[in-house]
Amino acid sequence: MIMQCIMSLTSRGLLVAGLFLTLTSQADAATLPAPLNAKLERIYQRWDEAAASLVDQVGNGGAPIARADWERMLGSDETAFTLTPAERRSLERYHSDLITEARARALRASLSTQIDLDTVRADGGLASRFCTDLPKGGMLHLHPWGTLSTTGVERVVGAVNPEIDLGRLQRILYGPNEPGNFYPGEIDFLTPFGQKFRYSALPVADQRKVRSLFHLPSGTHSFKRFMGVFSFVSALVFSNPQVDPEPIMWDQFLRDARSSNVTYVEMTQNFKRYPAWPEEQRRLLEPIAAHWGVTVKLLAAFNRMGNPERNRDAANKLLELPATDLIVGANLLADETEHPTLERGQTVYATLAHARGQGRTNLRFTQHAGELGDPRNARDAILMGSERLGHAVKLRDDALALELARRRRLAVETNLESNIRLGIVADLREHPFLDFHRLGLPVSLSTDDEGMFRSNIITECRHALAATDIQYSELREIIADSIRTSFADESTQARLAGELDASLARFEREWQAAH
């Protein structure tokens, strides 16, 4: 009722200073019952002990821990280490109260900014200008060959002029054991041209059709169809050994990022295991990044669909690479549905965590978790040392894991367009990212695979405005968290944060003056 009064008075221009001061001084009321808090502390201590045991065993080269043993280590079947239905409801009410109070604080804080997002979101053209002009900070959840915009695709295929091997494409895109598939008939238009031919030999209309396959069709699609785009892109962009498409991809992506007011990106990249690879990447990236004024860091990618022992070997190979500030972290990715975090991630993260405990690496940890599949994935990712989670939507379904995330201020990499296009949420109004933020989890917006979705960070901003009641003070914090929760070193973070503060202050002055 209090907040309804504030909103009503504000909309009529009748808010008086005395009432405002009274309302802003009101103390928040959310409290967690002491017995429940004590039980939570016991549970989380037990979980920490289990996590330490996992690192000691698996990180030393020992056998992976089976699911049943892991759940016993966590006390999942013991009354002392699980919540009763009543305790769970109490914890969920506590979270709901925290969210309500944070919303109220945001509404009060936004009264002083003179940027009213309710007015902005009500006008599509105004929202577009706002999201275009707004400084974005960083993007922390990206995959290189998912970034190709329409222009980027044209540039890459024009330079590579790929050889199209139809038989190979059919095996890759329709094989039952392949990670990604196309729908039946999608490449039938290529059949009249034979088994092998160059892209440049196709009529212009068919060249356009080939380029369109670099993007996911409109609408909602399965994860397997989404992965099929990666299979198609990979088959074409690397088909000409005489042309390296990587510099073209980076140049176009960083040009597009800078035009959207992005100044920092972390790209999850497959890494090569030979010692010269980090330096080769530095020589490639530094001049392009400097030209566009965007700082770039890399996260070493591990595919959860791969063999866990081969991934353990890859983690050890990563540790053997020369130390560099270019590679700042590790990321576990791909389809969670049949590849849970525990079973597919522990050989990687225990190995790296054990090395970090010995001072042999300073790599930071994130992983895709809580997007699909087992809802325990998010919990297990946190216990394996992840400081950020990509997507994390399913975290909302486990109050116990969500409370752990809240206490640890776990960061969340949110990708709204991706989540709606892949059916992770049916409606963006149901997306939990703003609730996460209001619970105190640092949230940042990113684009995942913006080229495949024909999207960008401006679209993410517009989604956030249209689907929620986010206030400017909250949006500003989310933008700042894109730098604060990055894995860049302290000096780089400080520089980027200072530049972002100045850009936001300038944007606010100009927006207020114009509107």
Protein backbone atom coordinates (compact mmCIF):
# COMPACT_ATOMS: atom_id res chain seq x y z
CA MET A 1 0.00 0.00 0.00
CA ILE A 2 2.83 2.41 0.84
CA MET A 3 4.45 1.87 -2.55
CA GLN A 4 1.11 2.23 -4.33
CA CYS A 5 0.75 5.62 -2.62
CA ILE A 6 4.22 6.64 -3.75
CA MET A 7 3.51 5.64 -7.35
CA SER A 8 0.13 7.38 -7.33
CA LEU A 9 1.51 10.59 -5.89
CA THR A 10 4.49 10.50 -8.21
CA SER A 11 2.29 10.10 -11.27
CA ARG A 12 0.36 13.21 -10.25
CA GLY A 13 3.42 15.26 -9.41
CA LEU A 14 2.19 15.62 -5.81
CA LEU A 15 5.01 13.94 -3.90
CA VAL A 16 6.14 16.24 -1.09
CA ALA A 17 9.57 16.16 0.51
CA GLY A 18 8.28 15.34 3.99
CA LEU A 19 6.41 12.24 2.86
CA PHE A 20 9.37 11.11 0.77
CA LEU A 21 11.73 11.40 3.73
CA THR A 22 9.31 9.48 5.94
CA LEU A 23 8.98 6.63 3.48
CA THR A 24 12.69 6.36 2.68
CA SER A 25 13.55 6.16 6.36
CA GLN A 26 11.25 3.19 6.94
CA ALA A 27 13.34 0.14 7.92
CA ASP A 28 13.20 -3.05 5.87
CA ALA A 29 11.34 -5.82 7.67
CA ALA A 30 12.39 -9.14 6.08
CA THR A 31 13.78 -11.52 8.66
CA LEU A 32 14.75 -15.18 8.64
CA PRO A 33 13.67 -17.18 11.71
CA ALA A 34 16.70 -17.89 13.89
CA PRO A 35 16.19 -21.70 14.01
CA LEU A 36 15.93 -21.83 10.21
CA ASN A 37 19.01 -19.66 9.82
CA ALA A 38 20.96 -21.97 12.15
CA LYS A 39 19.85 -25.00 10.14
CA LEU A 40 20.88 -23.34 6.89
CA GLU A 41 24.33 -22.68 8.30
CA ARG A 42 24.66 -26.37 9.23
CA ILE A 43 23.56 -27.42 5.76
CA TYR A 44 25.98 -25.08 4.02
CA GLN A 45 28.84 -26.20 6.25
CA ARG A 46 28.08 -29.80 5.27
CA TRP A 47 28.00 -28.77 1.61
CA ASP A 48 31.34 -26.99 1.92
CA GLU A 49 32.88 -30.08 3.47
CA ALA A 50 31.58 -32.20 0.60
CA ALA A 51 32.97 -29.72 -1.93
CA ALA A 52 36.38 -29.80 -0.25
CA SER A 53 36.36 -33.61 -0.34
CA LEU A 54 35.50 -33.57 -4.03
CA VAL A 55 38.45 -31.27 -4.79
CA ASP A 56 40.80 -33.39 -2.67
CA GLN A 57 39.77 -36.64 -4.34
CA VAL A 58 39.06 -35.73 -7.94
CA GLY A 59 41.48 -32.81 -8.13
CA ASN A 60 44.32 -35.17 -7.20
CA GLY A 61 43.52 -37.41 -10.15
CA GLY A 62 41.18 -39.72 -8.27
CA ALA A 63 38.02 -41.31 -9.57
CA PRO A 64 35.00 -39.07 -10.06
CA ILE A 65 32.36 -39.13 -7.34
CA ALA A 66 29.13 -40.91 -8.26
CA ARG A 67 25.80 -39.13 -7.91
CA ALA A 68 24.53 -41.32 -5.06
CA ASP A 69 27.75 -40.82 -3.10
CA TRP A 70 27.66 -37.07 -3.74
CA GLU A 71 24.11 -36.74 -2.48
CA ARG A 72 25.07 -38.72 0.64
CA MET A 73 28.01 -36.39 1.18
CA LEU A 74 25.62 -33.45 1.00
CA GLY A 75 23.21 -35.08 3.42
CA SER A 76 20.38 -34.97 0.88
CA ASP A 77 18.52 -37.83 2.61
CA GLU A 78 19.12 -36.68 6.19
CA THR A 79 16.53 -34.66 8.04
CA ALA A 80 19.21 -32.53 9.68
CA PHE A 81 20.48 -31.37 6.28
CA THR A 82 17.25 -31.00 4.31
CA LEU A 83 14.36 -28.59 4.67
CA THR A 84 10.89 -29.63 5.68
CA PRO A 85 8.06 -28.32 3.49
CA ALA A 86 7.28 -25.73 6.14
CA GLU A 87 10.91 -24.59 6.32
CA ARG A 88 11.07 -24.34 2.55
CA ARG A 89 7.94 -22.21 2.48
CA SER A 90 9.41 -19.99 5.18
CA LEU A 91 12.60 -19.54 3.17
CA GLU A 92 10.61 -18.77 0.03
CA ARG A 93 8.56 -16.16 1.94
CA TYR A 94 11.81 -14.61 3.15
CA HIS A 95 13.04 -14.34 -0.42
CA SER A 96 9.73 -12.86 -1.51
CA ASP A 97 9.93 -10.26 1.28
CA LEU A 98 13.51 -9.36 0.28
CA ILE A 99 12.42 -8.92 -3.33
CA THR A 100 9.50 -6.72 -2.30
CA GLU A 101 11.70 -4.53 -0.12
CA ALA A 102 14.37 -4.21 -2.80
CA ARG A 103 11.72 -3.15 -5.29
CA ALA A 104 10.52 -0.49 -2.88
CA ARG A 105 14.07 0.81 -2.40
CA ALA A 106 14.56 0.92 -6.16
CA LEU A 107 11.39 2.92 -6.64
CA ARG A 108 12.49 5.39 -4.00
CA ALA A 109 16.01 5.64 -5.40
CA SER A 110 14.75 6.18 -8.92
CA LEU A 111 12.69 9.19 -7.83
CA SER A 112 15.94 11.09 -7.40
CA THR A 113 17.47 10.12 -10.74
CA GLN A 114 14.92 12.00 -12.84
CA ILE A 115 14.98 9.12 -15.34
CA ASP A 116 11.54 7.55 -15.24
CA LEU A 117 11.70 4.16 -16.94
CA ASP A 118 7.93 3.77 -16.72
CA THR A 119 7.67 6.67 -19.18
CA VAL A 120 10.46 5.21 -21.32
CA ARG A 121 9.00 1.72 -21.48
CA ALA A 122 5.56 3.05 -22.44
CA ASP A 123 6.93 4.51 -25.70
CA GLY A 124 8.58 2.03 -28.07
CA GLY A 125 10.54 4.70 -29.92
CA LEU A 126 11.74 6.28 -26.70
CA ALA A 127 12.76 2.88 -25.30
CA SER A 128 14.74 2.18 -28.46
CA ARG A 129 16.62 5.50 -28.22
CA PHE A 130 17.23 4.98 -24.50
CA CYS A 131 18.66 1.49 -24.97
CA THR A 132 20.74 2.55 -27.96
CA ASP A 133 22.34 5.50 -26.16
CA LEU A 134 22.77 3.83 -22.75
CA PRO A 135 26.37 2.80 -21.86
CA LYS A 136 26.39 -0.98 -21.48
CA GLY A 137 29.65 -1.76 -19.69
CA GLY A 138 30.60 -5.36 -20.38
CA MET A 139 29.23 -8.60 -21.78
CA LEU A 140 30.40 -11.73 -19.97
CA HIS A 141 28.55 -14.53 -21.76
CA LEU A 142 29.57 -14.87 -25.42
CA HIS A 143 30.67 -17.51 -27.93
CA PRO A 144 32.81 -16.42 -30.89
CA TRP A 145 31.08 -18.10 -33.83
CA GLY A 146 27.68 -17.28 -32.39
CA THR A 147 28.37 -13.56 -32.73
CA LEU A 148 28.28 -13.23 -36.51
CA SER A 149 25.77 -10.55 -37.46
CA THR A 150 24.27 -10.43 -40.94
CA THR A 151 27.12 -8.17 -42.01
CA GLY A 152 29.64 -10.44 -40.32
CA VAL A 153 28.32 -13.47 -42.19
CA GLU A 154 28.56 -11.63 -45.50
CA ARG A 155 32.14 -10.63 -44.79
CA VAL A 156 33.25 -14.10 -43.67
CA VAL A 157 31.67 -16.15 -46.45
CA GLY A 158 32.73 -13.57 -49.00
CA ALA A 159 36.36 -13.92 -47.90
CA VAL A 160 36.36 -17.68 -47.32
CA ASN A 161 34.21 -18.63 -50.34
CA PRO A 162 33.62 -21.96 -48.61
CA GLU A 163 33.55 -25.26 -50.38
CA ILE A 164 30.17 -26.81 -49.63
CA ASP A 165 30.42 -30.59 -49.25
CA LEU A 166 26.78 -31.62 -49.31
CA GLY A 167 27.35 -35.20 -48.22
CA ARG A 168 29.39 -34.10 -45.22
CA LEU A 169 26.81 -31.46 -44.32
CA GLN A 170 24.05 -34.06 -44.42
CA ARG A 171 26.00 -36.35 -42.09
CA ILE A 172 26.74 -33.49 -39.68
CA LEU A 173 23.28 -31.97 -39.68
CA TYR A 174 21.17 -35.14 -39.73
CA GLY A 175 23.30 -37.72 -37.93
CA PRO A 176 21.39 -39.09 -34.91
CA ASN A 177 24.46 -38.90 -32.66
CA GLU A 178 25.52 -35.40 -33.66
CA PRO A 179 25.23 -32.65 -31.02
CA GLY A 180 23.13 -30.46 -33.31
CA ASN A 181 20.65 -31.15 -36.11
CA PHE A 182 18.72 -29.20 -38.69
CA TYR A 183 15.06 -29.84 -39.45
CA PRO A 184 14.27 -32.10 -42.44
CA GLY A 185 14.54 -30.38 -45.80
CA GLU A 186 16.41 -27.25 -44.69
CA ILE A 187 19.34 -27.80 -47.03
CA ASP A 188 17.46 -29.53 -49.84
CA PHE A 189 17.76 -26.37 -51.96
CA LEU A 190 21.45 -27.25 -52.38
CA THR A 191 20.83 -30.70 -53.92
CA PRO A 192 20.69 -29.53 -57.58
CA PHE A 193 24.25 -28.21 -57.38
CA GLY A 194 25.97 -31.57 -56.87
CA GLN A 195 28.02 -32.98 -54.03
CA LYS A 196 30.81 -30.38 -53.86
CA PHE A 197 30.74 -26.77 -55.04
CA ARG A 198 31.89 -23.31 -54.06
CA TYR A 199 29.61 -20.80 -52.41
CA SER A 200 30.43 -18.30 -55.18
CA ALA A 201 29.04 -20.73 -57.78
CA LEU A 202 25.54 -20.46 -56.33
CA PRO A 203 22.94 -18.06 -57.69
CA VAL A 204 22.56 -14.93 -55.57
CA ALA A 205 19.23 -16.08 -54.14
CA ASP A 206 20.76 -19.36 -52.96
CA GLN A 207 23.80 -17.58 -51.54
CA ARG A 208 21.32 -15.58 -49.47
CA LYS A 209 19.71 -18.83 -48.28
CA VAL A 210 23.12 -20.21 -47.27
CA ARG A 211 23.86 -17.06 -45.27
CA SER A 212 20.47 -17.28 -43.56
CA LEU A 213 21.45 -20.68 -42.14
CA PHE A 214 24.09 -18.93 -40.03
CA HIS A 215 21.15 -17.65 -37.95
CA LEU A 216 18.49 -19.55 -36.01
CA PRO A 217 15.09 -19.34 -37.73
CA SER A 218 12.57 -17.04 -36.11
CA GLY A 219 10.50 -18.42 -33.26
CA THR A 220 11.32 -20.88 -30.49
CA HIS A 221 13.56 -23.88 -31.13
CA SER A 222 15.06 -26.85 -29.35
CA PHE A 223 18.61 -26.73 -28.08
CA LYS A 224 19.57 -29.38 -30.62
CA ARG A 225 18.39 -27.21 -33.52
CA PHE A 226 20.31 -24.31 -32.00
CA MET A 227 23.47 -26.44 -31.81
CA GLY A 228 22.91 -27.32 -35.46
CA VAL A 229 23.75 -23.72 -36.37
CA PHE A 230 27.17 -24.12 -34.77
CA SER A 231 27.70 -27.33 -36.75
CA PHE A 232 26.76 -25.58 -39.99
CA VAL A 233 28.88 -22.50 -39.29
CA SER A 234 31.91 -24.59 -38.36
CA ALA A 235 31.60 -26.70 -41.50
CA LEU A 236 31.68 -23.63 -43.72
CA VAL A 237 33.90 -20.97 -42.14
CA PHE A 238 36.89 -23.29 -41.75
CA SER A 239 36.56 -25.00 -45.13
CA ASN A 240 39.21 -22.90 -46.89
CA PRO A 241 42.72 -23.41 -45.46
CA GLN A 242 43.94 -20.39 -47.43
CA VAL A 243 41.77 -17.92 -45.47
CA ASP A 244 41.69 -17.38 -41.70
CA PRO A 245 38.16 -16.20 -40.84
CA GLU A 246 38.94 -15.42 -37.19
CA PRO A 247 40.26 -11.85 -37.66
CA ILE A 248 37.18 -11.01 -39.73
CA MET A 249 34.85 -12.37 -37.05
CA TRP A 250 36.60 -10.43 -34.28
CA ASP A 251 36.74 -7.21 -36.27
CA GLN A 252 33.02 -7.28 -37.06
CA PHE A 253 31.97 -8.34 -33.57
CA LEU A 254 34.05 -5.69 -31.78
CA ARG A 255 32.89 -3.03 -34.23
CA ASP A 256 29.27 -3.99 -33.44
CA ALA A 257 29.95 -4.15 -29.69
CA ARG A 258 31.50 -0.70 -29.62
CA SER A 259 28.63 0.77 -31.61
CA SER A 260 26.32 -0.58 -28.87
CA ASN A 261 28.40 1.16 -26.17
CA VAL A 262 30.10 -2.00 -24.89
CA THR A 263 33.65 -1.56 -23.61
CA TYR A 264 34.52 -5.02 -22.23
CA VAL A 265 33.85 -8.60 -23.35
CA GLU A 266 34.69 -12.05 -22.06
CA MET A 267 34.54 -14.60 -24.86
CA THR A 268 34.29 -18.32 -24.12
CA GLN A 269 36.74 -19.85 -26.58
CA ASN A 270 38.03 -23.31 -27.41
CA PHE A 271 41.69 -23.27 -26.50
CA LYS A 272 44.57 -24.92 -28.27
CA ARG A 273 46.94 -26.96 -26.15
CA TYR A 274 50.30 -25.94 -27.60
CA PRO A 275 52.40 -23.38 -25.67
CA ALA A 276 52.39 -20.68 -28.35
CA TRP A 277 48.59 -20.44 -28.51
CA PRO A 278 48.09 -17.71 -25.85
CA GLU A 279 50.64 -15.45 -27.50
CA GLU A 280 49.09 -16.10 -30.92
CA GLN A 281 45.73 -15.04 -29.55
CA ARG A 282 47.24 -11.90 -28.05
CA ARG A 283 48.80 -10.90 -31.36
CA LEU A 284 45.47 -11.46 -33.09
CA LEU A 285 43.24 -9.69 -30.57
CA GLU A 286 45.20 -6.75 -29.23
CA PRO A 287 45.30 -4.62 -32.40
CA ILE A 288 41.64 -5.26 -33.25
CA ALA A 289 40.50 -4.60 -29.69
CA ALA A 290 42.59 -1.43 -29.47
CA HIS A 291 41.21 -0.19 -32.78
CA TRP A 292 37.61 -0.49 -31.56
CA GLY A 293 38.29 0.52 -27.98
CA VAL A 294 37.00 -2.71 -26.40
CA THR A 295 38.93 -4.72 -23.80
CA VAL A 296 38.84 -8.46 -24.52
CA LYS A 297 39.50 -11.42 -22.23
CA LEU A 298 39.06 -15.13 -22.91
CA LEU A 299 37.47 -17.98 -20.96
CA ALA A 300 38.72 -21.48 -21.72
CA ALA A 301 35.80 -23.61 -22.90
CA PHE A 302 35.11 -27.17 -21.77
CA ASN A 303 32.33 -29.12 -23.46
CA ARG A 304 30.17 -31.00 -20.96
CA MET A 305 29.14 -33.37 -23.79
CA GLY A 306 32.73 -34.60 -24.02
CA ASN A 307 34.33 -37.48 -22.14
CA PRO A 308 35.04 -36.42 -18.52
CA GLU A 309 38.52 -37.96 -18.51
CA ARG A 310 39.46 -36.20 -21.73
CA ASN A 311 38.19 -32.99 -20.15
CA ARG A 312 40.37 -33.67 -17.10
CA ASP A 313 43.32 -34.03 -19.44
CA ALA A 314 42.35 -30.79 -21.15
CA ALA A 315 42.23 -29.01 -17.77
CA ASN A 316 45.77 -30.18 -17.06
CA LYS A 317 46.87 -29.00 -20.49
CA LEU A 318 45.32 -25.61 -19.78
CA LEU A 319 47.36 -25.42 -16.59
CA GLU A 320 50.51 -26.12 -18.60
CA LEU A 321 49.99 -23.17 -20.94
CA PRO A 322 52.14 -20.09 -20.26
CA ALA A 323 50.51 -17.75 -17.75
CA THR A 324 48.74 -14.82 -19.39
CA ASP A 325 46.26 -12.16 -18.35
CA LEU A 326 44.37 -12.79 -21.59
CA ILE A 327 42.89 -16.11 -20.39
CA VAL A 328 41.09 -15.26 -17.16
CA GLY A 329 38.79 -18.18 -16.46
CA ALA A 330 37.20 -21.50 -17.33
CA ASN A 331 33.68 -22.21 -18.55
CA LEU A 332 31.68 -25.44 -18.92
CA LEU A 333 29.15 -25.24 -21.75
CA ALA A 334 26.73 -27.09 -24.04
CA ASP A 335 23.48 -28.98 -23.47
CA GLU A 336 22.78 -29.69 -19.80
CA THR A 337 19.79 -31.96 -20.49
CA GLU A 338 21.68 -35.25 -20.42
CA HIS A 339 25.02 -33.92 -19.19
CA PRO A 340 24.66 -32.78 -15.56
CA THR A 341 27.21 -30.60 -13.84
CA LEU A 342 28.35 -33.21 -11.32
CA GLU A 343 28.88 -35.98 -13.82
CA ARG A 344 30.42 -33.79 -16.52
CA GLY A 345 32.03 -30.93 -14.65
CA GLN A 346 33.84 -32.33 -11.64
CA THR A 347 36.94 -33.56 -13.45
CA VAL A 348 37.48 -30.05 -14.83
CA TYR A 349 36.62 -27.90 -11.83
CA ALA A 350 38.18 -30.13 -9.17
CA THR A 351 41.41 -30.24 -11.18
CA LEU A 352 41.49 -26.48 -11.59
CA ALA A 353 40.40 -25.78 -8.00
CA HIS A 354 43.09 -28.08 -6.65
CA ALA A 355 45.69 -26.27 -8.74
CA ARG A 356 44.37 -22.91 -7.56
CA GLY A 357 44.65 -24.06 -3.95
CA GLN A 358 48.29 -24.86 -4.58
CA GLY A 359 48.92 -21.46 -6.15
CA ARG A 360 49.50 -22.92 -9.63
CA THR A 361 46.78 -20.87 -11.32
CA ASN A 362 44.61 -17.85 -10.69
CA LEU A 363 41.92 -18.81 -13.18
CA ARG A 364 38.36 -17.92 -12.17
CA PHE A 365 35.34 -20.17 -12.65
CA THR A 366 31.99 -19.79 -14.35
CA GLN A 367 29.79 -22.33 -16.06
CA HIS A 368 26.52 -22.74 -17.92
CA ALA A 369 24.21 -24.11 -15.25
CA GLY A 370 20.50 -23.86 -14.58
CA GLU A 371 19.61 -23.39 -18.23
CA LEU A 372 18.27 -26.90 -18.89
CA GLY A 373 18.14 -30.30 -17.28
CA ASP A 374 18.67 -31.30 -13.67
CA PRO A 375 17.79 -28.40 -11.33
CA ARG A 376 20.67 -29.50 -9.08
CA ASN A 377 23.15 -28.34 -11.71
CA ALA A 378 23.18 -24.78 -10.36
CA ARG A 379 23.79 -25.99 -6.79
CA ASP A 380 26.61 -28.28 -7.89
CA ALA A 381 28.21 -25.56 -10.01
CA ILE A 382 28.33 -23.26 -6.99
CA LEU A 383 29.88 -25.99 -4.84
CA MET A 384 32.52 -26.60 -7.50
CA GLY A 385 33.68 -23.04 -7.04
CA SER A 386 31.82 -21.13 -9.74
CA GLU A 387 31.72 -17.42 -9.03
CA ARG A 388 29.28 -16.80 -11.85
CA LEU A 389 26.62 -18.90 -13.54
CA GLY A 390 25.49 -18.56 -17.12
CA HIS A 391 21.69 -18.42 -17.41
CA ALA A 392 20.90 -19.91 -13.94
CA VAL A 393 17.14 -19.71 -14.59
CA LYS A 394 16.47 -22.97 -12.74
CA LEU A 395 18.08 -21.53 -9.62
CA ARG A 396 14.65 -20.05 -8.90
CA ASP A 397 13.28 -23.57 -8.39
CA ASP A 398 15.57 -24.45 -5.48
CA ALA A 399 15.23 -22.08 -2.53
CA LEU A 400 18.10 -23.76 -0.69
CA ALA A 401 20.56 -23.28 -3.54
CA LEU A 402 19.20 -19.80 -4.19
CA GLU A 403 19.85 -18.80 -0.59
CA LEU A 404 23.42 -20.11 -0.88
CA ALA A 405 23.84 -18.04 -4.04
CA ARG A 406 22.46 -15.00 -2.22
CA ARG A 407 24.85 -15.41 0.70
CA ARG A 408 27.81 -15.84 -1.62
CA ARG A 409 26.69 -13.02 -3.91
CA LEU A 410 26.96 -15.38 -6.83
CA ALA A 411 26.90 -13.49 -10.12
CA VAL A 412 24.47 -14.40 -12.90
CA GLU A 413 25.06 -13.90 -16.62
CA THR A 414 21.58 -13.24 -18.03
CA ASN A 415 20.74 -13.73 -21.72
CA LEU A 416 17.10 -12.84 -22.28
CA GLU A 417 16.80 -13.30 -26.05
CA SER A 418 18.54 -16.67 -25.83
CA ASN A 419 16.28 -17.84 -23.02
CA ILE A 420 13.08 -16.97 -24.86
CA ARG A 421 14.24 -18.31 -28.26
CA LEU A 422 15.36 -21.65 -26.80
CA GLY A 423 12.24 -22.07 -24.67
CA ILE A 424 14.04 -21.77 -21.34
CA VAL A 425 11.22 -19.43 -20.32
CA ALA A 426 7.86 -19.24 -22.06
CA ASP A 427 7.42 -15.54 -21.37
CA LEU A 428 10.09 -13.00 -20.46
CA ARG A 429 7.74 -11.61 -17.85
CA GLU A 430 8.41 -14.86 -15.96
CA HIS A 431 12.20 -14.54 -16.17
CA PRO A 432 13.82 -14.44 -12.71
CA PHE A 433 16.78 -12.14 -13.47
CA LEU A 434 15.28 -9.10 -11.75
CA ASP A 435 14.26 -11.17 -8.73
CA PHE A 436 17.84 -12.42 -8.56
CA HIS A 437 19.09 -8.85 -8.64
CA ARG A 438 16.64 -7.80 -5.94
CA LEU A 439 17.85 -10.69 -3.79
CA GLY A 440 21.37 -9.29 -3.99
CA LEU A 441 22.86 -11.51 -6.69
CA PRO A 442 24.96 -9.40 -9.07
CA VAL A 443 23.31 -9.76 -12.48
CA SER A 444 24.67 -8.67 -15.84
CA LEU A 445 23.08 -8.70 -19.27
CA SER A 446 24.72 -10.39 -22.21
CA THR A 447 23.74 -11.82 -25.59
CA ASP A 448 25.00 -15.44 -25.60
CA ASP A 449 24.96 -15.92 -29.39
CA GLU A 450 23.72 -12.61 -30.71
CA GLY A 451 24.46 -13.35 -34.35
CA MET A 452 22.51 -16.59 -34.34
CA PHE A 453 19.57 -14.83 -32.69
CA ARG A 454 19.89 -11.70 -34.90
CA SER A 455 20.03 -9.74 -31.67
CA ASN A 456 22.39 -7.51 -29.70
CA ILE A 457 22.81 -5.94 -26.26
CA ILE A 458 20.36 -3.16 -27.22
CA THR A 459 17.72 -5.85 -27.66
CA GLU A 460 18.56 -7.24 -24.22
CA CYS A 461 18.02 -3.78 -22.72
CA ARG A 462 14.68 -3.41 -24.48
CA HIS A 463 13.57 -6.83 -23.26
CA ALA A 464 14.49 -5.88 -19.69
CA LEU A 465 12.41 -2.72 -19.92
CA ALA A 466 9.42 -4.29 -21.63
CA ALA A 467 9.16 -7.47 -19.54
CA THR A 468 9.70 -6.05 -16.04
CA ASP A 469 9.21 -3.02 -13.83
CA ILE A 470 12.98 -2.51 -13.55
CA GLN A 471 13.91 0.96 -12.32
CA TYR A 472 16.80 3.05 -13.56
CA SER A 473 18.73 2.65 -10.30
CA GLU A 474 18.57 -1.13 -10.77
CA LEU A 475 19.53 -1.02 -14.42
CA ARG A 476 22.49 1.15 -13.51
CA GLU A 477 23.62 -1.41 -10.90
CA ILE A 478 23.26 -4.25 -13.41
CA ILE A 479 25.44 -2.37 -15.89
CA ALA A 480 28.04 -1.69 -13.18
CA ASP A 481 27.98 -5.37 -12.18
CA SER A 482 29.00 -6.30 -15.71
CA ILE A 483 32.39 -4.84 -14.83
CA ARG A 484 32.48 -5.64 -11.10
CA THR A 485 31.83 -9.35 -11.69
CA SER A 486 34.17 -9.67 -14.64
CA PHE A 487 37.30 -11.76 -14.27
CA ALA A 488 39.56 -8.90 -15.37
CA ASP A 489 42.39 -7.97 -13.01
CA GLU A 490 41.83 -5.23 -10.43
CA SER A 491 43.57 -2.47 -12.37
CA THR A 492 41.60 -3.24 -15.53
CA GLN A 493 38.37 -3.34 -13.55
CA ALA A 494 39.17 -0.02 -11.90
CA ARG A 495 39.89 1.63 -15.26
CA LEU A 496 36.74 0.24 -16.87
CA ALA A 497 34.58 1.13 -13.86
CA GLY A 498 35.86 4.71 -13.89
CA GLU A 499 35.18 5.06 -17.59
CA LEU A 500 31.72 3.56 -17.16
CA ASP A 501 30.83 5.91 -14.30
CA ALA A 502 31.82 8.90 -16.40
CA SER A 503 29.86 7.60 -19.41
CA LEU A 504 26.75 6.96 -17.32
CA ALA A 505 26.92 10.40 -15.71
CA ARG A 506 27.21 12.02 -19.15
CA PHE A 507 24.33 9.91 -20.47
CA GLU A 508 22.13 10.90 -17.51
CA ARG A 509 22.82 14.60 -17.98
CA GLU A 510 22.10 14.47 -21.69
CA TRP A 511 19.00 12.31 -21.32
CA GLN A 512 17.54 14.52 -18.60
CA ALA A 513 18.24 17.63 -20.64
CA ALA A 514 16.54 16.16 -23.71
CA HIS A 515 13.59 14.53 -21.97
